[in-house]
Amino acid sequence: DYRRNGPDRCFFCKDELFSVITDELVAAQGLDAVAYGENADDA
């Protein structure tokens, strides 16, 4: 879905990143939450 490069490509990129963080880091690093840099204009 990422390689086919539709207008929704960024969803699959971010989904991959957040999946890796959730699967590998949240428990191992004792994270209570994850945040990213969306600003009010982006929203």
Full PDB file with SEQRES, HELIX, SHEET, SSBOND, CRYST1, ORIGX, SCALE, CONECT and MASTER records, all heavy atoms in Angstrom:
SEQRES   1 A   43  ASP TYR ARG ARG ASN GLY PRO ASP ARG CYS PHE PHE CYS          
SEQRES   2 A   43  LYS ASP GLU LEU PHE SER VAL ILE THR ASP GLU LEU VAL          
SEQRES   3 A   43  ALA ALA GLN GLY LEU ASP ALA VAL ALA TYR GLY GLU ASN          
SEQRES   4 A   43  ALA ASP ASP ALA                                              
HELIX    1 AA1 ARG A    9  VAL A   20  1                                  12    
HELIX    2 AA2 ILE A   21  LEU A   25  3                                   5    
CRYST1    1.000    1.000    1.000  90.00  90.00  90.00 P 1           1          
ORIGX1      1.000000  0.000000  0.000000        0.00000                         
ORIGX2      0.000000  1.000000  0.000000        0.00000                         
ORIGX3      0.000000  0.000000  1.000000        0.00000                         
SCALE1      1.000000  0.000000  0.000000        0.00000                         
SCALE2      0.000000  1.000000  0.000000        0.00000                         
SCALE3      0.000000  0.000000  1.000000        0.00000                         
ATOM      1  N   ASP A   1       0.819  -1.211   0.000  1.00  0.00           N  
ATOM      2  CA  ASP A   1       0.000   0.000   0.000  1.00  0.00           C  
ATOM      3  C   ASP A   1       0.855   1.263   0.000  1.00  0.00           C  
ATOM      4  O   ASP A   1       0.436   2.292  -0.533  1.00  0.00           O  
ATOM      5  CB  ASP A   1      -0.924   0.014   1.224  1.00  0.00           C  
ATOM      6  CG  ASP A   1      -2.077  -0.957   1.075  1.00  0.00           C  
ATOM      7  OD1 ASP A   1      -2.489  -1.210  -0.075  1.00  0.00           O  
ATOM      8  OD2 ASP A   1      -2.569  -1.461   2.100  1.00  0.00           O  
ATOM      9  N   TYR A   2       2.027   1.197   0.602  1.00  0.00           N  
ATOM     10  CA  TYR A   2       2.952   2.328   0.568  1.00  0.00           C  
ATOM     11  C   TYR A   2       3.586   2.455  -0.813  1.00  0.00           C  
ATOM     12  O   TYR A   2       3.642   3.544  -1.388  1.00  0.00           O  
ATOM     13  CB  TYR A   2       4.021   2.148   1.640  1.00  0.00           C  
ATOM     14  CG  TYR A   2       5.106   3.205   1.623  1.00  0.00           C  
ATOM     15  CD1 TYR A   2       4.928   4.414   2.282  1.00  0.00           C  
ATOM     16  CD2 TYR A   2       6.304   2.987   0.945  1.00  0.00           C  
ATOM     17  CE1 TYR A   2       5.923   5.393   2.261  1.00  0.00           C  
ATOM     18  CE2 TYR A   2       7.294   3.957   0.918  1.00  0.00           C  
ATOM     19  CZ  TYR A   2       7.096   5.150   1.585  1.00  0.00           C  
ATOM     20  OH  TYR A   2       8.086   6.114   1.548  1.00  0.00           O  
ATOM     21  N   ARG A   3       4.057   1.343  -1.351  1.00  0.00           N  
ATOM     22  CA  ARG A   3       4.756   1.382  -2.635  1.00  0.00           C  
ATOM     23  C   ARG A   3       3.852   1.852  -3.777  1.00  0.00           C  
ATOM     24  O   ARG A   3       4.323   2.505  -4.714  1.00  0.00           O  
ATOM     25  CB  ARG A   3       5.343   0.015  -2.988  1.00  0.00           C  
ATOM     26  CG  ARG A   3       6.487  -0.434  -2.097  1.00  0.00           C  
ATOM     27  CD  ARG A   3       7.243  -1.594  -2.747  1.00  0.00           C  
ATOM     28  NE  ARG A   3       6.368  -2.672  -3.171  1.00  0.00           N  
ATOM     29  CZ  ARG A   3       5.972  -3.671  -2.398  1.00  0.00           C  
ATOM     30  NH1 ARG A   3       6.378  -3.725  -1.132  1.00  0.00           N  
ATOM     31  NH2 ARG A   3       5.179  -4.621  -2.863  1.00  0.00           N  
ATOM     32  N   ARG A   4       2.557   1.544  -3.694  1.00  0.00           N  
ATOM     33  CA  ARG A   4       1.676   1.932  -4.798  1.00  0.00           C  
ATOM     34  C   ARG A   4       1.458   3.438  -4.822  1.00  0.00           C  
ATOM     35  O   ARG A   4       1.007   4.002  -5.822  1.00  0.00           O  
ATOM     36  CB  ARG A   4       0.347   1.191  -4.733  1.00  0.00           C  
ATOM     37  CG  ARG A   4      -0.530   1.559  -3.558  1.00  0.00           C  
ATOM     38  CD  ARG A   4      -1.860   0.825  -3.611  1.00  0.00           C  
ATOM     39  NE  ARG A   4      -2.640   1.035  -2.398  1.00  0.00           N  
ATOM     40  CZ  ARG A   4      -3.334   2.131  -2.137  1.00  0.00           C  
ATOM     41  NH1 ARG A   4      -3.370   3.106  -3.009  1.00  0.00           N  
ATOM     42  NH2 ARG A   4      -4.000   2.249  -1.007  1.00  0.00           N  
ATOM     43  N   ASN A   5       1.731   4.127  -3.724  1.00  0.00           N  
ATOM     44  CA  ASN A   5       1.901   5.579  -3.737  1.00  0.00           C  
ATOM     45  C   ASN A   5       0.632   6.340  -4.090  1.00  0.00           C  
ATOM     46  O   ASN A   5       0.649   7.282  -4.891  1.00  0.00           O  
ATOM     47  CB  ASN A   5       3.038   5.945  -4.707  1.00  0.00           C  
ATOM     48  CG  ASN A   5       3.531   7.364  -4.525  1.00  0.00           C  
ATOM     49  OD1 ASN A   5       3.329   7.977  -3.493  1.00  0.00           O  
ATOM     50  ND2 ASN A   5       4.171   7.891  -5.559  1.00  0.00           N  
ATOM     51  N   GLY A   6      -0.472   5.945  -3.485  1.00  0.00           N  
ATOM     52  CA  GLY A   6      -1.679   6.752  -3.633  1.00  0.00           C  
ATOM     53  C   GLY A   6      -1.599   8.006  -2.773  1.00  0.00           C  
ATOM     54  O   GLY A   6      -0.630   8.206  -2.032  1.00  0.00           O  
ATOM     55  N   PRO A   7      -2.585   8.881  -2.841  1.00  0.00           N  
ATOM     56  CA  PRO A   7      -2.590  10.073  -1.998  1.00  0.00           C  
ATOM     57  C   PRO A   7      -2.581   9.763  -0.500  1.00  0.00           C  
ATOM     58  O   PRO A   7      -2.289  10.639   0.311  1.00  0.00           O  
ATOM     59  CB  PRO A   7      -3.886  10.787  -2.409  1.00  0.00           C  
ATOM     60  CG  PRO A   7      -4.165  10.304  -3.793  1.00  0.00           C  
ATOM     61  CD  PRO A   7      -3.700   8.871  -3.807  1.00  0.00           C  
ATOM     62  N   ASP A   8      -2.901   8.510  -0.150  1.00  0.00           N  
ATOM     63  CA  ASP A   8      -2.896   8.089   1.251  1.00  0.00           C  
ATOM     64  C   ASP A   8      -1.575   7.450   1.667  1.00  0.00           C  
ATOM     65  O   ASP A   8      -1.486   6.829   2.730  1.00  0.00           O  
ATOM     66  CB  ASP A   8      -4.037   7.109   1.518  1.00  0.00           C  
ATOM     67  CG  ASP A   8      -3.987   5.868   0.624  1.00  0.00           C  
ATOM     68  OD1 ASP A   8      -3.161   5.836  -0.321  1.00  0.00           O  
ATOM     69  OD2 ASP A   8      -4.779   4.932   0.862  1.00  0.00           O  
ATOM     70  N   ARG A   9      -0.520   7.606   0.852  1.00  0.00           N  
ATOM     71  CA  ARG A   9       0.773   6.969   1.163  1.00  0.00           C  
ATOM     72  C   ARG A   9       1.250   7.293   2.575  1.00  0.00           C  
ATOM     73  O   ARG A   9       1.766   6.431   3.288  1.00  0.00           O  
ATOM     74  CB  ARG A   9       1.828   7.426   0.154  1.00  0.00           C  
ATOM     75  CG  ARG A   9       3.213   6.802   0.362  1.00  0.00           C  
ATOM     76  CD  ARG A   9       4.293   7.562  -0.378  1.00  0.00           C  
ATOM     77  NE  ARG A   9       4.455   8.901   0.154  1.00  0.00           N  
ATOM     78  CZ  ARG A   9       4.237  10.026  -0.530  1.00  0.00           C  
ATOM     79  NH1 ARG A   9       3.866   9.964  -1.791  1.00  0.00           N  
ATOM     80  NH2 ARG A   9       4.381  11.210   0.039  1.00  0.00           N  
ATOM     81  N   CYS A  10       1.098   8.539   3.004  1.00  0.00           N  
ATOM     82  CA  CYS A  10       1.616   8.942   4.317  1.00  0.00           C  
ATOM     83  C   CYS A  10       0.956   8.176   5.458  1.00  0.00           C  
ATOM     84  O   CYS A  10       1.563   7.999   6.512  1.00  0.00           O  
ATOM     85  CB  CYS A  10       1.441  10.439   4.526  1.00  0.00           C  
ATOM     86  SG  CYS A  10       2.548  11.443   3.512  1.00  0.00           S  
ATOM     87  N   PHE A  11      -0.287   7.730   5.233  1.00  0.00           N  
ATOM     88  CA  PHE A  11      -0.932   6.926   6.278  1.00  0.00           C  
ATOM     89  C   PHE A  11      -0.113   5.680   6.546  1.00  0.00           C  
ATOM     90  O   PHE A  11       0.147   5.320   7.703  1.00  0.00           O  
ATOM     91  CB  PHE A  11      -2.352   6.533   5.860  1.00  0.00           C  
ATOM     92  CG  PHE A  11      -2.993   5.559   6.825  1.00  0.00           C  
ATOM     93  CD1 PHE A  11      -3.701   6.015   7.913  1.00  0.00           C  
ATOM     94  CD2 PHE A  11      -2.854   4.183   6.653  1.00  0.00           C  
ATOM     95  CE1 PHE A  11      -4.268   5.125   8.831  1.00  0.00           C  
ATOM     96  CE2 PHE A  11      -3.416   3.292   7.549  1.00  0.00           C  
ATOM     97  CZ  PHE A  11      -4.126   3.766   8.640  1.00  0.00           C  
ATOM     98  N   PHE A  12       0.314   4.995   5.496  1.00  0.00           N  
ATOM     99  CA  PHE A  12       1.013   3.718   5.663  1.00  0.00           C  
ATOM    100  C   PHE A  12       2.430   3.933   6.208  1.00  0.00           C  
ATOM    101  O   PHE A  12       2.948   3.082   6.938  1.00  0.00           O  
ATOM    102  CB  PHE A  12       1.024   2.967   4.346  1.00  0.00           C  
ATOM    103  CG  PHE A  12      -0.366   2.705   3.829  1.00  0.00           C  
ATOM    104  CD1 PHE A  12      -0.878   3.452   2.782  1.00  0.00           C  
ATOM    105  CD2 PHE A  12      -1.179   1.760   4.432  1.00  0.00           C  
ATOM    106  CE1 PHE A  12      -2.167   3.248   2.329  1.00  0.00           C  
ATOM    107  CE2 PHE A  12      -2.476   1.545   3.994  1.00  0.00           C  
ATOM    108  CZ  PHE A  12      -2.978   2.291   2.939  1.00  0.00           C  
ATOM    109  N   CYS A  13       3.028   5.060   5.879  1.00  0.00           N  
ATOM    110  CA  CYS A  13       4.341   5.387   6.442  1.00  0.00           C  
ATOM    111  C   CYS A  13       4.239   5.628   7.939  1.00  0.00           C  
ATOM    112  O   CYS A  13       4.992   5.055   8.730  1.00  0.00           O  
ATOM    113  CB  CYS A  13       4.898   6.621   5.729  1.00  0.00           C  
ATOM    114  SG  CYS A  13       6.552   7.093   6.285  1.00  0.00           S  
ATOM    115  N   LYS A  14       3.286   6.466   8.335  1.00  0.00           N  
ATOM    116  CA  LYS A  14       3.111   6.752   9.763  1.00  0.00           C  
ATOM    117  C   LYS A  14       2.621   5.517  10.508  1.00  0.00           C  
ATOM    118  O   LYS A  14       3.014   5.271  11.657  1.00  0.00           O  
ATOM    119  CB  LYS A  14       2.120   7.906   9.953  1.00  0.00           C  
ATOM    120  CG  LYS A  14       2.688   9.275   9.634  1.00  0.00           C  
ATOM    121  CD  LYS A  14       3.708   9.708  10.667  1.00  0.00           C  
ATOM    122  CE  LYS A  14       4.077  11.178  10.536  1.00  0.00           C  
ATOM    123  NZ  LYS A  14       4.800  11.489   9.298  1.00  0.00           N  
ATOM    124  N   ASP A  15       1.765   4.729   9.863  1.00  0.00           N  
ATOM    125  CA  ASP A  15       1.280   3.508  10.506  1.00  0.00           C  
ATOM    126  C   ASP A  15       2.439   2.564  10.789  1.00  0.00           C  
ATOM    127  O   ASP A  15       2.491   1.920  11.848  1.00  0.00           O  
ATOM    128  CB  ASP A  15       0.238   2.829   9.618  1.00  0.00           C  
ATOM    129  CG  ASP A  15      -0.375   1.615  10.283  1.00  0.00           C  
ATOM    130  OD1 ASP A  15      -1.047   1.778  11.321  1.00  0.00           O  
ATOM    131  OD2 ASP A  15      -0.177   0.497   9.779  1.00  0.00           O  
ATOM    132  N   GLU A  16       3.389   2.473   9.859  1.00  0.00           N  
ATOM    133  CA  GLU A  16       4.574   1.645  10.070  1.00  0.00           C  
ATOM    134  C   GLU A  16       5.387   2.169  11.252  1.00  0.00           C  
ATOM    135  O   GLU A  16       5.789   1.407  12.136  1.00  0.00           O  
ATOM    136  CB  GLU A  16       5.426   1.625   8.800  1.00  0.00           C  
ATOM    137  CG  GLU A  16       6.798   0.984   8.960  1.00  0.00           C  
ATOM    138  CD  GLU A  16       6.763  -0.517   9.143  1.00  0.00           C  
ATOM    139  OE1 GLU A  16       5.699  -1.136   8.919  1.00  0.00           O  
ATOM    140  OE2 GLU A  16       7.818  -1.092   9.511  1.00  0.00           O  
ATOM    141  N   LEU A  17       5.643   3.480  11.271  1.00  0.00           N  
ATOM    142  CA  LEU A  17       6.437   4.059  12.351  1.00  0.00           C  
ATOM    143  C   LEU A  17       5.768   3.837  13.702  1.00  0.00           C  
ATOM    144  O   LEU A  17       6.410   3.366  14.658  1.00  0.00           O  
ATOM    145  CB  LEU A  17       6.630   5.560  12.110  1.00  0.00           C  
ATOM    146  CG  LEU A  17       7.295   6.336  13.251  1.00  0.00           C  
ATOM    147  CD1 LEU A  17       8.713   5.842  13.498  1.00  0.00           C  
ATOM    148  CD2 LEU A  17       7.291   7.831  12.954  1.00  0.00           C  
ATOM    149  N   PHE A  18       4.485   4.150  13.785  1.00  0.00           N  
ATOM    150  CA  PHE A  18       3.802   4.018  15.075  1.00  0.00           C  
ATOM    151  C   PHE A  18       3.638   2.559  15.483  1.00  0.00           C  
ATOM    152  O   PHE A  18       3.639   2.246  16.679  1.00  0.00           O  
ATOM    153  CB  PHE A  18       2.449   4.734  15.031  1.00  0.00           C  
ATOM    154  CG  PHE A  18       2.546   6.221  14.805  1.00  0.00           C  
ATOM    155  CD1 PHE A  18       1.611   6.891  14.043  1.00  0.00           C  
ATOM    156  CD2 PHE A  18       3.589   6.958  15.357  1.00  0.00           C  
ATOM    157  CE1 PHE A  18       1.689   8.257  13.831  1.00  0.00           C  
ATOM    158  CE2 PHE A  18       3.690   8.325  15.156  1.00  0.00           C  
ATOM    159  CZ  PHE A  18       2.736   8.980  14.384  1.00  0.00           C  
ATOM    160  N   SER A  19       3.532   1.654  14.500  1.00  0.00           N  
ATOM    161  CA  SER A  19       3.473   0.231  14.824  1.00  0.00           C  
ATOM    162  C   SER A  19       4.797  -0.246  15.411  1.00  0.00           C  
ATOM    163  O   SER A  19       4.828  -0.996  16.395  1.00  0.00           O  
ATOM    164  CB  SER A  19       3.132  -0.589  13.577  1.00  0.00           C  
ATOM    165  OG  SER A  19       1.831  -0.317  13.113  1.00  0.00           O  
ATOM    166  N   VAL A  20       5.912   0.180  14.817  1.00  0.00           N  
ATOM    167  CA  VAL A  20       7.227  -0.199  15.339  1.00  0.00           C  
ATOM    168  C   VAL A  20       7.411   0.339  16.750  1.00  0.00           C  
ATOM    169  O   VAL A  20       7.889  -0.371  17.653  1.00  0.00           O  
ATOM    170  CB  VAL A  20       8.339   0.318  14.405  1.00  0.00           C  
ATOM    171  CG1 VAL A  20       9.703   0.171  15.064  1.00  0.00           C  
ATOM    172  CG2 VAL A  20       8.313  -0.444  13.083  1.00  0.00           C  
ATOM    173  N   ILE A  21       7.023   1.596  16.956  1.00  0.00           N  
ATOM    174  CA  ILE A  21       7.164   2.184  18.292  1.00  0.00           C  
ATOM    175  C   ILE A  21       6.326   1.410  19.299  1.00  0.00           C  
ATOM    176  O   ILE A  21       6.788   1.069  20.402  1.00  0.00           O  
ATOM    177  CB  ILE A  21       6.756   3.667  18.266  1.00  0.00           C  
ATOM    178  CG1 ILE A  21       7.782   4.480  17.454  1.00  0.00           C  
ATOM    179  CG2 ILE A  21       6.651   4.220  19.689  1.00  0.00           C  
ATOM    180  CD1 ILE A  21       7.390   5.927  17.239  1.00  0.00           C  
ATOM    181  N   THR A  22       5.084   1.112  18.916  1.00  0.00           N  
ATOM    182  CA  THR A  22       4.196   0.401  19.834  1.00  0.00           C  
ATOM    183  C   THR A  22       4.710  -1.006  20.119  1.00  0.00           C  
ATOM    184  O   THR A  22       4.724  -1.460  21.275  1.00  0.00           O  
ATOM    185  CB  THR A  22       2.777   0.324  19.238  1.00  0.00           C  
ATOM    186  OG1 THR A  22       2.280   1.633  19.026  1.00  0.00           O  
ATOM    187  CG2 THR A  22       1.840  -0.419  20.176  1.00  0.00           C  
ATOM    188  N   ASP A  23       5.158  -1.707  19.082  1.00  0.00           N  
ATOM    189  CA  ASP A  23       5.571  -3.104  19.238  1.00  0.00           C  
ATOM    190  C   ASP A  23       6.916  -3.242  19.955  1.00  0.00           C  
ATOM    191  O   ASP A  23       7.129  -4.189  20.713  1.00  0.00           O  
ATOM    192  CB  ASP A  23       5.654  -3.789  17.870  1.00  0.00           C  
ATOM    193  CG  ASP A  23       4.300  -3.925  17.207  1.00  0.00           C  
ATOM    194  OD1 ASP A  23       3.286  -3.755  17.902  1.00  0.00           O  
ATOM    195  OD2 ASP A  23       4.264  -4.184  15.984  1.00  0.00           O  
ATOM    196  N   GLU A  24       7.838  -2.308  19.687  1.00  0.00           N  
ATOM    197  CA  GLU A  24       9.208  -2.487  20.160  1.00  0.00           C  
ATOM    198  C   GLU A  24       9.589  -1.611  21.356  1.00  0.00           C  
ATOM    199  O   GLU A  24      10.475  -1.976  22.122  1.00  0.00           O  
ATOM    200  CB  GLU A  24      10.200  -2.208  19.014  1.00  0.00           C  
ATOM    201  CG  GLU A  24      10.083  -3.155  17.843  1.00  0.00           C  
ATOM    202  CD  GLU A  24      11.131  -2.895  16.777  1.00  0.00           C  
ATOM    203  OE1 GLU A  24      12.074  -2.107  17.041  1.00  0.00           O  
ATOM    204  OE2 GLU A  24      11.019  -3.476  15.685  1.00  0.00           O  
ATOM    205  N   LEU A  25       8.949  -0.467  21.499  1.00  0.00           N  
ATOM    206  CA  LEU A  25       9.493   0.512  22.439  1.00  0.00           C  
ATOM    207  C   LEU A  25       8.619   0.844  23.634  1.00  0.00           C  
ATOM    208  O   LEU A  25       9.148   1.156  24.699  1.00  0.00           O  
ATOM    209  CB  LEU A  25       9.798   1.826  21.693  1.00  0.00           C  
ATOM    210  CG  LEU A  25      10.815   1.738  20.558  1.00  0.00           C  
ATOM    211  CD1 LEU A  25      11.053   3.129  19.986  1.00  0.00           C  
ATOM    212  CD2 LEU A  25      12.119   1.144  21.046  1.00  0.00           C  
ATOM    213  N   VAL A  26       7.317   0.841  23.463  1.00  0.00           N  
ATOM    214  CA  VAL A  26       6.456   1.311  24.550  1.00  0.00           C  
ATOM    215  C   VAL A  26       6.718   0.534  25.834  1.00  0.00           C  
ATOM    216  O   VAL A  26       6.972   1.107  26.895  1.00  0.00           O  
ATOM    217  CB  VAL A  26       4.971   1.239  24.144  1.00  0.00           C  
ATOM    218  CG1 VAL A  26       4.075   1.446  25.360  1.00  0.00           C  
ATOM    219  CG2 VAL A  26       4.670   2.301  23.091  1.00  0.00           C  
ATOM    220  N   ALA A  27       6.686  -0.790  25.739  1.00  0.00           N  
ATOM    221  CA  ALA A  27       6.938  -1.596  26.938  1.00  0.00           C  
ATOM    222  C   ALA A  27       8.414  -1.578  27.320  1.00  0.00           C  
ATOM    223  O   ALA A  27       8.765  -1.401  28.495  1.00  0.00           O  
ATOM    224  CB  ALA A  27       6.463  -3.027  26.710  1.00  0.00           C  
ATOM    225  N   ALA A  28       9.300  -1.745  26.339  1.00  0.00           N  
ATOM    226  CA  ALA A  28      10.735  -1.838  26.632  1.00  0.00           C  
ATOM    227  C   ALA A  28      11.275  -0.555  27.257  1.00  0.00           C  
ATOM    228  O   ALA A  28      12.158  -0.592  28.121  1.00  0.00           O  
ATOM    229  CB  ALA A  28      11.505  -2.151  25.350  1.00  0.00           C  
ATOM    230  N   GLN A  29      10.745   0.592  26.835  1.00  0.00           N  
ATOM    231  CA  GLN A  29      11.228   1.882  27.342  1.00  0.00           C  
ATOM    232  C   GLN A  29      10.319   2.460  28.425  1.00  0.00           C  
ATOM    233  O   GLN A  29      10.582   3.557  28.925  1.00  0.00           O  
ATOM    234  CB  GLN A  29      11.343   2.889  26.185  1.00  0.00           C  
ATOM    235  CG  GLN A  29      12.351   2.487  25.120  1.00  0.00           C  
ATOM    236  CD  GLN A  29      13.778   2.530  25.631  1.00  0.00           C  
ATOM    237  OE1 GLN A  29      14.116   3.309  26.524  1.00  0.00           O  
ATOM    238  NE2 GLN A  29      14.637   1.682  25.069  1.00  0.00           N  
ATOM    239  N   GLY A  30       9.274   1.751  28.759  1.00  0.00           N  
ATOM    240  CA  GLY A  30       8.381   2.220  29.812  1.00  0.00           C  
ATOM    241  C   GLY A  30       7.654   3.501  29.452  1.00  0.00           C  
ATOM    242  O   GLY A  30       7.427   4.369  30.310  1.00  0.00           O  
ATOM    243  N   LEU A  31       7.242   3.630  28.192  1.00  0.00           N  
ATOM    244  CA  LEU A  31       6.561   4.846  27.745  1.00  0.00           C  
ATOM    245  C   LEU A  31       5.084   4.800  28.123  1.00  0.00           C  
ATOM    246  O   LEU A  31       4.419   3.782  27.950  1.00  0.00           O  
ATOM    247  CB  LEU A  31       6.699   5.000  26.233  1.00  0.00           C  
ATOM    248  CG  LEU A  31       8.126   5.049  25.666  1.00  0.00           C  
ATOM    249  CD1 LEU A  31       8.079   5.156  24.145  1.00  0.00           C  
ATOM    250  CD2 LEU A  31       8.906   6.210  26.266  1.00  0.00           C  
ATOM    251  N   ASP A  32       4.601   5.923  28.606  1.00  0.00           N  
ATOM    252  CA  ASP A  32       3.169   6.053  28.880  1.00  0.00           C  
ATOM    253  C   ASP A  32       2.397   6.550  27.679  1.00  0.00           C  
ATOM    254  O   ASP A  32       1.180   6.330  27.566  1.00  0.00           O  
ATOM    255  CB  ASP A  32       2.933   7.020  30.047  1.00  0.00           C  
ATOM    256  CG  ASP A  32       3.574   6.543  31.326  1.00  0.00           C  
ATOM    257  OD1 ASP A  32       3.244   5.436  31.771  1.00  0.00           O  
ATOM    258  OD2 ASP A  32       4.416   7.277  31.878  1.00  0.00           O  
ATOM    259  N   ALA A  33       3.079   7.255  26.790  1.00  0.00           N  
ATOM    260  CA  ALA A  33       2.420   7.821  25.618  1.00  0.00           C  
ATOM    261  C   ALA A  33       3.468   8.139  24.570  1.00  0.00           C  
ATOM    262  O   ALA A  33       4.660   8.224  24.855  1.00  0.00           O  
ATOM    263  CB  ALA A  33       1.643   9.087  25.994  1.00  0.00           C  
ATOM    264  N   VAL A  34       2.984   8.307  23.346  1.00  0.00           N  
ATOM    265  CA  VAL A  34       3.817   8.731  22.218  1.00  0.00           C  
ATOM    266  C   VAL A  34       3.161   9.968  21.620  1.00  0.00           C  
ATOM    267  O   VAL A  34       1.926  10.059  21.545  1.00  0.00           O  
ATOM    268  CB  VAL A  34       3.931   7.617  21.155  1.00  0.00           C  
ATOM    269  CG1 VAL A  34       4.725   8.095  19.938  1.00  0.00           C  
ATOM    270  CG2 VAL A  34       4.563   6.371  21.761  1.00  0.00           C  
ATOM    271  N   ALA A  35       3.976  10.928  21.197  1.00  0.00           N  
ATOM    272  CA  ALA A  35       3.457  12.159  20.594  1.00  0.00           C  
ATOM    273  C   ALA A  35       4.175  12.430  19.283  1.00  0.00           C  
ATOM    274  O   ALA A  35       5.305  11.989  19.069  1.00  0.00           O  
ATOM    275  CB  ALA A  35       3.647  13.345  21.554  1.00  0.00           C  
ATOM    276  N   TYR A  36       3.502  13.170  18.396  1.00  0.00           N  
ATOM    277  CA  TYR A  36       4.167  13.598  17.164  1.00  0.00           C  
ATOM    278  C   TYR A  36       3.830  15.058  16.891  1.00  0.00           C  
ATOM    279  O   TYR A  36       2.952  15.653  17.535  1.00  0.00           O  
ATOM    280  CB  TYR A  36       3.827  12.677  16.003  1.00  0.00           C  
ATOM    281  CG  TYR A  36       2.558  12.978  15.220  1.00  0.00           C  
ATOM    282  CD1 TYR A  36       2.603  13.173  13.842  1.00  0.00           C  
ATOM    283  CD2 TYR A  36       1.313  13.055  15.850  1.00  0.00           C  
ATOM    284  CE1 TYR A  36       1.445  13.428  13.119  1.00  0.00           C  
ATOM    285  CE2 TYR A  36       0.161  13.301  15.130  1.00  0.00           C  
ATOM    286  CZ  TYR A  36       0.231  13.492  13.762  1.00  0.00           C  
ATOM    287  OH  TYR A  36      -0.915  13.743  13.052  1.00  0.00           O  
ATOM    288  N   GLY A  37       4.533  15.657  15.908  1.00  0.00           N  
ATOM    289  CA  GLY A  37       4.544  17.101  15.775  1.00  0.00           C  
ATOM    290  C   GLY A  37       3.493  17.717  14.888  1.00  0.00           C  
ATOM    291  O   GLY A  37       3.788  18.703  14.203  1.00  0.00           O  
ATOM    292  N   GLU A  38       2.276  17.214  14.880  1.00  0.00           N  
ATOM    293  CA  GLU A  38       1.211  17.899  14.147  1.00  0.00           C  
ATOM    294  C   GLU A  38       0.930  19.247  14.800  1.00  0.00           C  
ATOM    295  O   GLU A  38       0.762  19.328  16.022  1.00  0.00           O  
ATOM    296  CB  GLU A  38      -0.056  17.055  14.132  1.00  0.00           C  
ATOM    297  CG  GLU A  38      -1.234  17.726  13.419  1.00  0.00           C  
ATOM    298  CD  GLU A  38      -2.494  16.884  13.471  1.00  0.00           C  
ATOM    299  OE1 GLU A  38      -2.556  15.878  12.731  1.00  0.00           O  
ATOM    300  OE2 GLU A  38      -3.404  17.224  14.249  1.00  0.00           O  
ATOM    301  N   ASN A  39       0.891  20.315  14.007  1.00  0.00           N  
ATOM    302  CA  ASN A  39       0.546  21.625  14.554  1.00  0.00           C  
ATOM    303  C   ASN A  39      -0.890  21.990  14.194  1.00  0.00           C  
ATOM    304  O   ASN A  39      -1.581  21.242  13.481  1.00  0.00           O  
ATOM    305  CB  ASN A  39       1.546  22.690  14.091  1.00  0.00           C  
ATOM    306  CG  ASN A  39       1.532  22.892  12.586  1.00  0.00           C  
ATOM    307  OD1 ASN A  39       0.497  23.164  11.989  1.00  0.00           O  
ATOM    308  ND2 ASN A  39       2.706  22.767  11.959  1.00  0.00           N  
ATOM    309  N   ALA A  40      -1.353  23.136  14.665  1.00  0.00           N  
ATOM    310  CA  ALA A  40      -2.760  23.499  14.480  1.00  0.00           C  
ATOM    311  C   ALA A  40      -3.109  23.745  13.022  1.00  0.00           C  
ATOM    312  O   ALA A  40      -4.255  23.524  12.608  1.00  0.00           O  
ATOM    313  CB  ALA A  40      -3.089  24.726  15.325  1.00  0.00           C  
ATOM    314  N   ASP A  41      -2.147  24.203  12.210  1.00  0.00           N  
ATOM    315  CA  ASP A  41      -2.401  24.357  10.781  1.00  0.00           C  
ATOM    316  C   ASP A  41      -2.544  22.997  10.111  1.00  0.00           C  
ATOM    317  O   ASP A  41      -3.431  22.789   9.277  1.00  0.00           O  
ATOM    318  CB  ASP A  41      -1.258  25.136  10.110  1.00  0.00           C  
ATOM    319  CG  ASP A  41      -1.294  26.620  10.434  1.00  0.00           C  
ATOM    320  OD1 ASP A  41      -2.385  27.135  10.747  1.00  0.00           O  
ATOM    321  OD2 ASP A  41      -0.224  27.255  10.390  1.00  0.00           O  
ATOM    322  N   ASP A  42      -1.666  22.058  10.471  1.00  0.00           N  
ATOM    323  CA  ASP A  42      -1.734  20.711   9.905  1.00  0.00           C  
ATOM    324  C   ASP A  42      -3.100  20.076  10.162  1.00  0.00           C  
ATOM    325  O   ASP A  42      -3.635  19.362   9.307  1.00  0.00           O  
ATOM    326  CB  ASP A  42      -0.663  19.805  10.516  1.00  0.00           C  
ATOM    327  CG  ASP A  42       0.751  20.225  10.171  1.00  0.00           C  
ATOM    328  OD1 ASP A  42       0.937  20.900   9.143  1.00  0.00           O  
ATOM    329  OD2 ASP A  42       1.666  19.872  10.940  1.00  0.00           O  
ATOM    330  N   ALA A  43      -3.632  20.313  11.353  1.00  0.00           N  
ATOM    331  CA  ALA A  43      -4.889  19.672  11.743  1.00  0.00           C  
ATOM    332  C   ALA A  43      -6.049  20.079  10.838  1.00  0.00           C  
ATOM    333  O   ALA A  43      -7.055  19.362  10.756  1.00  0.00           O  
ATOM    334  CB  ALA A  43      -5.212  20.009  13.195  1.00  0.00           C  
TER     335      ALA A  43                                                      
MASTER        0    0    0    2    0    0    0    6  334    1    0    4          
END                                                                             
